[in-house]
N, C-alpha and C. Protein backbone atom coordinates (compact mmCIF):
# COMPACT_ATOMS: atom_id res chain seq x y z
N MET A 1 15.85 -15.83 -60.23
CA MET A 1 15.70 -15.08 -58.82
C MET A 1 15.64 -15.41 -57.43
N GLU A 2 15.57 -16.44 -57.48
CA GLU A 2 14.76 -17.52 -56.77
C GLU A 2 15.76 -18.25 -56.26
N ASN A 3 16.36 -18.30 -57.46
CA ASN A 3 17.69 -19.56 -57.75
C ASN A 3 18.80 -18.70 -56.23
N LYS A 4 19.19 -17.82 -57.30
CA LYS A 4 19.75 -16.63 -56.30
C LYS A 4 19.97 -16.12 -54.69
N HIS A 5 18.43 -16.48 -54.69
CA HIS A 5 17.92 -15.64 -53.21
C HIS A 5 17.64 -16.48 -52.45
N LYS A 6 17.55 -18.01 -52.80
CA LYS A 6 16.89 -18.90 -51.89
C LYS A 6 17.21 -19.01 -50.07
N ASP A 7 18.57 -18.84 -50.50
CA ASP A 7 18.95 -19.22 -48.97
C ASP A 7 18.47 -17.51 -48.19
N LEU A 8 18.88 -16.44 -48.76
CA LEU A 8 18.01 -15.03 -48.08
C LEU A 8 16.88 -15.01 -47.42
N TRP A 9 16.49 -15.89 -49.00
CA TRP A 9 14.05 -15.77 -48.60
C TRP A 9 13.91 -17.09 -47.50
N GLU A 10 15.02 -18.13 -47.15
CA GLU A 10 15.08 -19.15 -46.45
C GLU A 10 15.02 -18.05 -44.40
N LYS A 11 16.45 -17.49 -44.47
CA LYS A 11 16.72 -17.33 -43.40
C LYS A 11 15.50 -15.69 -43.76
N TYR A 12 14.97 -14.87 -44.38
CA TYR A 12 13.93 -13.85 -44.11
C TYR A 12 12.38 -14.37 -43.61
N TRP A 13 12.19 -16.11 -44.21
CA TRP A 13 11.04 -16.38 -44.05
C TRP A 13 11.14 -16.91 -42.53
N LYS A 14 11.98 -17.00 -41.84
CA LYS A 14 12.51 -17.78 -40.11
C LYS A 14 13.28 -16.85 -39.17
N GLY A 15 12.78 -14.81 -40.51
CA GLY A 15 13.17 -14.10 -39.50
C GLY A 15 14.85 -13.99 -38.55
N GLU A 16 15.96 -14.42 -39.52
CA GLU A 16 17.53 -14.50 -39.47
C GLU A 16 17.89 -13.34 -40.10
N THR A 17 17.26 -12.44 -41.34
CA THR A 17 17.99 -11.60 -41.70
C THR A 17 18.64 -10.07 -40.93
N SER A 18 18.89 -10.08 -41.62
CA SER A 18 20.14 -8.73 -41.64
C SER A 18 19.04 -7.05 -41.96
N VAL A 19 18.67 -6.24 -41.44
CA VAL A 19 18.49 -5.18 -42.33
C VAL A 19 18.61 -5.01 -43.79
N ALA A 20 19.87 -5.52 -44.38
CA ALA A 20 21.33 -4.91 -45.50
C ALA A 20 20.57 -6.06 -46.26
N GLU A 21 20.45 -7.24 -45.41
CA GLU A 21 19.89 -8.30 -46.36
C GLU A 21 17.98 -8.07 -46.68
N GLU A 22 18.06 -7.95 -46.88
CA GLU A 22 16.23 -7.70 -46.47
C GLU A 22 16.34 -5.87 -47.86
N LYS A 23 16.60 -5.18 -47.36
CA LYS A 23 17.06 -4.54 -48.64
C LYS A 23 17.89 -5.42 -50.28
N LYS A 24 18.72 -6.04 -49.71
CA LYS A 24 19.10 -6.79 -51.23
C LYS A 24 18.02 -7.13 -51.58
N LEU A 25 16.95 -8.32 -50.88
CA LEU A 25 16.02 -9.20 -51.56
C LEU A 25 14.92 -7.97 -52.48
N PHE A 26 14.39 -7.02 -51.70
CA PHE A 26 13.19 -6.43 -52.02
C PHE A 26 14.24 -5.52 -53.27
N GLN A 27 15.56 -4.91 -53.36
CA GLN A 27 16.06 -4.53 -54.27
C GLN A 27 15.67 -5.29 -55.19
N ALA A 28 15.58 -6.91 -55.45
CA ALA A 28 15.65 -7.97 -56.42
C ALA A 28 14.56 -8.11 -56.97
N LEU A 29 13.59 -7.89 -56.03
CA LEU A 29 12.27 -8.11 -56.28
C LEU A 29 11.51 -6.54 -57.29
N GLU A 30 12.45 -5.97 -57.11
CA GLU A 30 11.78 -4.16 -57.59
C GLU A 30 12.59 -4.44 -58.74
N GLU A 31 14.08 -4.68 -59.18
CA GLU A 31 14.63 -4.95 -60.54
C GLU A 31 13.55 -6.23 -61.47
N GLU A 32 13.31 -7.26 -60.79
CA GLU A 32 12.73 -8.57 -61.65
C GLU A 32 11.82 -9.61 -60.81
N PRO A 33 10.51 -8.88 -60.67
CA PRO A 33 9.85 -9.42 -60.16
C PRO A 33 8.94 -10.63 -61.11
N GLU A 34 9.64 -11.66 -61.52
CA GLU A 34 9.09 -13.06 -61.79
C GLU A 34 8.27 -13.55 -61.60
N ASP A 35 8.31 -13.89 -60.08
CA ASP A 35 7.94 -14.72 -59.24
C ASP A 35 6.55 -14.27 -59.01
N GLY A 36 5.12 -15.21 -59.14
CA GLY A 36 3.69 -14.53 -58.86
C GLY A 36 3.62 -14.51 -57.36
N ALA A 37 3.58 -15.11 -56.35
CA ALA A 37 3.59 -14.99 -55.25
C ALA A 37 4.41 -14.10 -54.97
N LEU A 38 5.51 -14.15 -54.78
CA LEU A 38 6.66 -13.09 -54.78
C LEU A 38 6.24 -11.51 -54.58
N LYS A 39 6.12 -11.73 -56.55
CA LYS A 39 5.52 -10.00 -56.54
C LYS A 39 4.32 -9.42 -55.74
N ALA A 40 2.79 -10.38 -55.12
CA ALA A 40 1.69 -9.91 -54.74
C ALA A 40 2.90 -10.14 -52.94
N PHE A 41 3.77 -10.65 -52.06
CA PHE A 41 4.03 -10.61 -51.05
C PHE A 41 4.75 -8.56 -51.40
N TYR A 42 5.70 -8.79 -52.24
CA TYR A 42 6.14 -7.25 -52.65
C TYR A 42 5.00 -6.05 -52.19
N SER A 43 3.90 -6.43 -53.39
CA SER A 43 3.10 -5.17 -53.47
C SER A 43 2.15 -4.91 -52.15
N GLY A 44 1.86 -5.92 -51.66
CA GLY A 44 0.85 -5.77 -50.41
C GLY A 44 2.32 -4.99 -49.69
N ILE A 45 4.12 -5.31 -49.62
CA ILE A 45 4.37 -4.74 -48.34
C ILE A 45 4.68 -3.10 -49.10
N GLN A 46 5.03 -2.83 -50.20
CA GLN A 46 4.84 -1.93 -51.19
C GLN A 46 3.60 -0.81 -49.95
N SER A 47 2.51 -1.37 -50.29
CA SER A 47 1.27 -0.28 -49.65
C SER A 47 1.38 -0.43 -48.17
N ILE A 48 1.35 -1.30 -47.62
CA ILE A 48 2.15 -1.65 -46.23
C ILE A 48 3.15 -0.13 -45.64
N ARG A 49 3.71 0.31 -46.75
CA ARG A 49 4.96 1.01 -46.68
C ARG A 49 4.06 2.44 -46.36
N GLU A 50 3.13 2.31 -48.04
CA GLU A 50 2.76 3.95 -48.52
C GLU A 50 1.90 4.01 -47.40
N GLU A 51 0.72 2.76 -46.98
CA GLU A 51 0.07 3.90 -45.72
C GLU A 51 0.01 4.37 -44.92
N GLY A 52 1.43 3.94 -43.68
CA GLY A 52 1.64 4.51 -42.72
C GLY A 52 1.49 4.50 -41.06
N PRO A 53 1.12 5.60 -40.58
CA PRO A 53 1.03 6.02 -39.42
C PRO A 53 -0.38 6.60 -39.69
N ASN A 54 -1.58 6.72 -40.53
CA ASN A 54 -2.28 7.73 -41.39
C ASN A 54 -3.64 6.45 -40.67
N GLY A 55 -3.97 5.45 -40.78
CA GLY A 55 -5.05 4.70 -40.02
C GLY A 55 -4.65 4.71 -38.14
N ILE A 56 -4.15 5.01 -38.12
CA ILE A 56 -3.86 5.06 -36.12
C ILE A 56 -4.50 5.96 -35.36
N HIS A 57 -5.51 5.76 -34.90
CA HIS A 57 -6.11 7.13 -34.06
C HIS A 57 -5.44 7.07 -32.37
N LEU A 58 -5.02 8.38 -31.94
CA LEU A 58 -4.51 8.23 -30.59
C LEU A 58 -5.51 7.77 -29.45
N PRO A 59 -6.29 7.64 -28.89
CA PRO A 59 -7.03 7.82 -28.12
C PRO A 59 -6.26 9.66 -27.66
N LEU A 60 -8.19 10.71 -27.19
CA LEU A 60 -7.64 11.55 -27.39
C LEU A 60 -6.71 11.19 -24.83
N ARG A 61 -6.60 12.68 -25.66
CA ARG A 61 -5.74 12.61 -23.72
C ARG A 61 -5.62 14.36 -23.34
N SER A 62 -6.85 14.80 -23.61
CA SER A 62 -7.34 15.71 -22.37
C SER A 62 -7.14 15.62 -21.45
N PHE A 63 -7.54 14.90 -21.11
CA PHE A 63 -7.90 14.71 -19.06
C PHE A 63 -7.11 14.16 -18.87
N PRO A 64 -5.99 13.56 -18.01
CA PRO A 64 -5.54 12.37 -17.23
C PRO A 64 -6.23 12.19 -15.88
N TRP A 65 -7.55 10.73 -16.92
CA TRP A 65 -8.38 10.25 -15.41
C TRP A 65 -7.69 9.23 -14.57
N GLN A 66 -7.01 8.46 -15.37
CA GLN A 66 -5.91 7.52 -14.81
C GLN A 66 -4.88 8.15 -13.62
N LYS A 67 -4.70 8.66 -14.37
CA LYS A 67 -3.35 9.35 -13.36
C LYS A 67 -4.64 10.25 -11.63
N MET A 68 -6.00 10.62 -12.51
CA MET A 68 -6.80 11.09 -11.56
C MET A 68 -6.52 10.05 -10.28
N ALA A 69 -7.62 9.39 -10.71
CA ALA A 69 -8.30 8.49 -10.36
C ALA A 69 -7.37 7.29 -9.27
N ALA A 70 -5.50 7.30 -9.72
CA ALA A 70 -4.50 7.64 -8.89
C ALA A 70 -4.39 7.80 -7.52
N VAL A 71 -4.28 8.90 -8.02
CA VAL A 71 -3.87 10.41 -7.08
C VAL A 71 -4.89 10.30 -5.75
N MET A 72 -6.27 10.33 -6.20
CA MET A 72 -7.51 10.16 -5.77
C MET A 72 -7.33 8.91 -5.14
N LEU A 73 -7.18 7.54 -5.66
CA LEU A 73 -6.94 6.29 -4.11
C LEU A 73 -5.85 6.59 -3.12
N VAL A 74 -5.14 7.06 -3.83
CA VAL A 74 -3.55 7.17 -2.46
C VAL A 74 -4.26 8.33 -1.61
N PHE A 75 -4.58 8.60 -2.01
CA PHE A 75 -4.94 10.07 -1.38
C PHE A 75 -6.37 9.41 0.15
N LEU A 76 -7.36 8.46 -0.71
CA LEU A 76 -8.20 7.71 0.11
C LEU A 76 -7.37 6.53 0.71
N THR A 77 -6.83 6.50 0.52
CA THR A 77 -6.01 5.28 1.53
C THR A 77 -5.17 5.94 2.86
N VAL A 78 -4.59 7.42 1.85
CA VAL A 78 -3.56 7.98 3.19
C VAL A 78 -4.62 7.94 4.53
N ALA A 79 -6.21 9.12 3.65
CA ALA A 79 -6.85 9.30 5.20
C ALA A 79 -7.19 8.20 5.76
N THR A 80 -7.50 7.16 5.14
CA THR A 80 -8.23 6.16 5.90
C THR A 80 -7.06 5.32 7.28
N CYS A 81 -5.70 5.22 7.08
CA CYS A 81 -5.03 4.82 7.36
C CYS A 81 -4.82 6.13 8.30
N TRP A 82 -4.48 7.47 8.39
CA TRP A 82 -5.43 8.46 9.57
C TRP A 82 -5.80 8.19 9.99
N TRP A 83 -7.60 8.51 9.85
CA TRP A 83 -8.55 8.65 10.56
C TRP A 83 -8.64 6.82 11.92
N GLY A 84 -8.11 5.99 11.00
CA GLY A 84 -8.03 4.17 11.38
C GLY A 84 -7.10 4.54 12.86
N PHE A 85 -5.66 4.82 12.34
CA PHE A 85 -4.88 5.46 13.00
C PHE A 85 -5.18 6.40 14.30
N ARG A 86 -6.27 7.18 14.52
CA ARG A 86 -6.31 8.31 15.32
C ARG A 86 -7.94 7.36 15.84
N THR A 87 -7.87 6.90 15.48
CA THR A 87 -9.43 5.82 15.84
C THR A 87 -8.60 5.06 17.06
N TYR A 88 -7.91 4.33 16.55
CA TYR A 88 -6.90 3.29 17.40
C TYR A 88 -5.94 4.05 18.78
N GLU A 89 -5.63 5.40 18.58
CA GLU A 89 -5.26 5.66 19.96
C GLU A 89 -5.96 6.19 20.73
N GLU A 90 -7.20 6.59 19.91
CA GLU A 90 -8.23 7.55 20.96
C GLU A 90 -8.63 6.29 22.00
N GLN A 91 -8.85 4.36 20.65
CA GLN A 91 -9.17 3.79 21.89
C GLN A 91 -8.16 3.45 23.28
N GLN A 92 -7.27 3.56 22.93
CA GLN A 92 -5.92 3.56 23.15
C GLN A 92 -5.84 4.09 24.81
N GLU A 93 -6.42 5.15 24.84
CA GLU A 93 -6.28 6.25 25.55
C GLU A 93 -7.17 6.31 26.35
N ALA A 94 -8.10 5.89 26.00
CA ALA A 94 -9.59 5.86 26.65
C ALA A 94 -9.52 4.42 27.43
N GLN A 95 -8.31 2.94 27.16
CA GLN A 95 -8.71 2.26 27.80
C GLN A 95 -7.40 2.39 29.23
N ALA A 96 -6.32 2.99 28.86
CA ALA A 96 -5.59 3.50 29.67
C ALA A 96 -6.50 4.47 30.96
N TYR A 97 -7.46 5.00 30.19
CA TYR A 97 -7.96 6.34 31.78
C TYR A 97 -8.96 5.16 32.39
N ARG A 98 -9.85 3.88 31.61
CA ARG A 98 -9.98 3.08 32.88
C ARG A 98 -9.54 2.67 33.28
N GLN A 99 -8.49 1.75 32.95
CA GLN A 99 -7.41 1.13 33.58
C GLN A 99 -7.09 1.71 34.93
N VAL A 100 -6.66 3.75 34.64
CA VAL A 100 -6.44 4.06 35.61
C VAL A 100 -7.15 4.20 36.48
N VAL A 101 -8.78 4.59 36.65
CA VAL A 101 -9.66 4.84 37.59
C VAL A 101 -9.85 3.61 38.05
N GLU A 102 -9.83 2.72 37.59
CA GLU A 102 -10.32 0.69 37.97
C GLU A 102 -9.01 1.32 39.14
N ALA A 103 -7.20 1.26 38.96
CA ALA A 103 -6.53 0.70 39.77
C ALA A 103 -7.25 2.23 41.05
N MET A 104 -7.37 3.52 40.90
CA MET A 104 -7.45 4.77 41.95
C MET A 104 -8.51 4.01 42.73
N GLY A 105 -10.17 2.97 42.33
CA GLY A 105 -10.36 2.60 43.25
C GLY A 105 -10.46 1.60 43.69
N LYS A 106 -9.76 0.65 43.43
CA LYS A 106 -8.28 -0.17 44.02
C LYS A 106 -8.21 0.48 45.80
N ILE A 107 -7.55 1.16 45.13
CA ILE A 107 -6.84 2.26 45.99
C ILE A 107 -7.52 2.16 47.24
N GLN A 108 -8.37 3.48 46.66
CA GLN A 108 -9.80 4.09 48.21
C GLN A 108 -10.10 2.72 48.73
N ILE A 109 -10.69 1.43 47.99
CA ILE A 109 -11.36 0.43 48.65
C ILE A 109 -10.02 0.24 49.68
N ASN A 110 -9.09 -0.08 49.80
CA ASN A 110 -8.00 -0.60 50.48
C ASN A 110 -7.69 0.63 51.30
N LEU A 111 -8.13 2.06 50.85
CA LEU A 111 -7.90 2.42 52.18
C LEU A 111 -9.04 3.20 52.85
N LYS A 112 -9.87 2.59 52.92
CA LYS A 112 -10.78 2.82 53.82
C LYS A 112 -10.57 1.44 54.49
N LYS A 113 -10.56 0.23 53.76
CA LYS A 113 -9.86 -0.81 55.46
C LYS A 113 -9.22 0.11 56.12
N GLY A 114 -8.34 0.13 55.50
CA GLY A 114 -7.04 0.80 56.62
C GLY A 114 -7.23 1.50 57.45
N THR A 115 -8.65 2.62 56.92
CA THR A 115 -8.74 3.26 57.61
C THR A 115 -9.52 3.06 58.84
N SER A 116 -10.87 2.17 58.63
CA SER A 116 -11.66 1.46 59.53
C SER A 116 -10.98 0.87 60.82
N HIS A 117 -9.65 0.14 60.24
CA HIS A 117 -9.14 -0.41 61.03
C HIS A 117 -8.26 -0.01 62.32
N LEU A 118 -8.20 1.60 61.70
CA LEU A 118 -7.72 2.54 62.89
C LEU A 118 -8.12 3.57 63.65
N GLU A 119 -9.99 3.28 63.24
CA GLU A 119 -10.77 3.66 63.99
C GLU A 119 -11.29 2.72 65.16
N SER A 120 -11.09 1.78 64.76
CA SER A 120 -10.94 0.75 66.52
C SER A 120 -9.90 1.10 67.55
N MET A 121 -8.93 1.12 66.41
CA MET A 121 -7.55 1.46 67.42
C MET A 121 -7.60 2.24 68.14
N GLU A 122 -8.23 2.96 67.51
CA GLU A 122 -8.59 4.43 68.38
C GLU A 122 -9.85 5.06 69.33
N LYS A 123 -10.51 3.87 69.13
CA LYS A 123 -11.97 3.43 70.28
C LYS A 123 -10.93 2.52 71.49
N ILE A 124 -9.66 1.81 71.17
CA ILE A 124 -9.06 0.78 72.00
C ILE A 124 -8.47 1.79 72.88
N LYS A 125 -7.56 3.15 72.05
CA LYS A 125 -7.29 3.88 73.15
C LYS A 125 -7.67 5.01 73.30
N TYR A 126 -8.86 4.87 73.81
CA TYR A 126 -9.59 5.78 75.08
C TYR A 126 -9.69 5.05 75.82
N LEU A 127 -10.19 3.40 75.51
CA LEU A 127 -9.85 2.67 77.10
C LEU A 127 -8.51 2.95 77.63
N ASN A 128 -7.85 2.30 77.47
CA ASN A 128 -6.89 2.36 78.24
C ASN A 128 -5.99 3.71 78.51
N SER A 129 -6.29 4.86 78.12
CA SER A 129 -6.33 5.97 78.95
C SER A 129 -6.87 6.17 80.10
N GLY A 130 -8.24 4.70 80.34
CA GLY A 130 -8.65 5.47 81.96
C GLY A 130 -7.66 4.76 82.54
N ALA A 131 -7.04 3.50 82.54
CA ALA A 131 -6.27 3.11 83.37
C ALA A 131 -4.92 4.09 83.22
N ASN A 132 -4.50 5.31 82.34
CA ASN A 132 -2.58 6.00 82.53
C ASN A 132 -3.99 7.47 83.67
N TRP A 133 -4.77 7.64 83.50
CA TRP A 133 -5.48 8.52 84.54
C TRP A 133 -5.52 7.87 85.99
N TYR A 134 -5.75 6.95 85.89
CA TYR A 134 -6.01 6.12 87.47
C TYR A 134 -4.30 6.44 87.66
N GLU A 135 -3.84 5.98 86.93
CA GLU A 135 -2.00 5.86 87.46
C GLU A 135 -1.22 6.79 87.93
N ASN A 136 -1.71 8.02 86.84
CA ASN A 136 -1.55 9.18 87.44
C ASN A 136 -2.60 10.21 88.49
N ASP A 137 -3.59 9.85 88.78
CA ASP A 137 -3.86 10.08 90.18
C ASP A 137 -3.20 9.41 91.31
N LYS A 138 -2.13 8.08 91.10
CA LYS A 138 -1.61 7.73 92.13
C LYS A 138 -0.53 8.30 92.17
N ASN A 139 0.13 8.38 91.59
CA ASN A 139 1.37 9.71 91.15
C ASN A 139 1.91 10.77 91.87
N ASN A 140 0.08 11.47 91.82
CA ASN A 140 0.39 12.70 92.17
C ASN A 140 0.06 12.95 94.25
């Protein structure tokens, strides 16, 4: 039997056989299992086929912990970003307010300088007013 299917067995061990060729090989083993090693191999394959998925235990899926953790992580990330952005906006508003107050203070200082110069001009104006009275008296 091995001489008949030697080429197929070589392809099988290399993983190059098709499903139909594998069926042909295993049918030949069922009909005349003469070789001890092939017979043991075939009986092992048969026991694996009979076992099926009964021995596999799937994990419990009662509560989707991973999905819940991912949702919480996304929620925390969004909340942190929102809080950080709000804080940034508040800092920007406070900085703008301080800049406006500083500018108004500088304007106030400059206005006081200007009005102090006007006060001295007012004093000079009264000094000149006496000359005007004198001229007015002359003309009358």
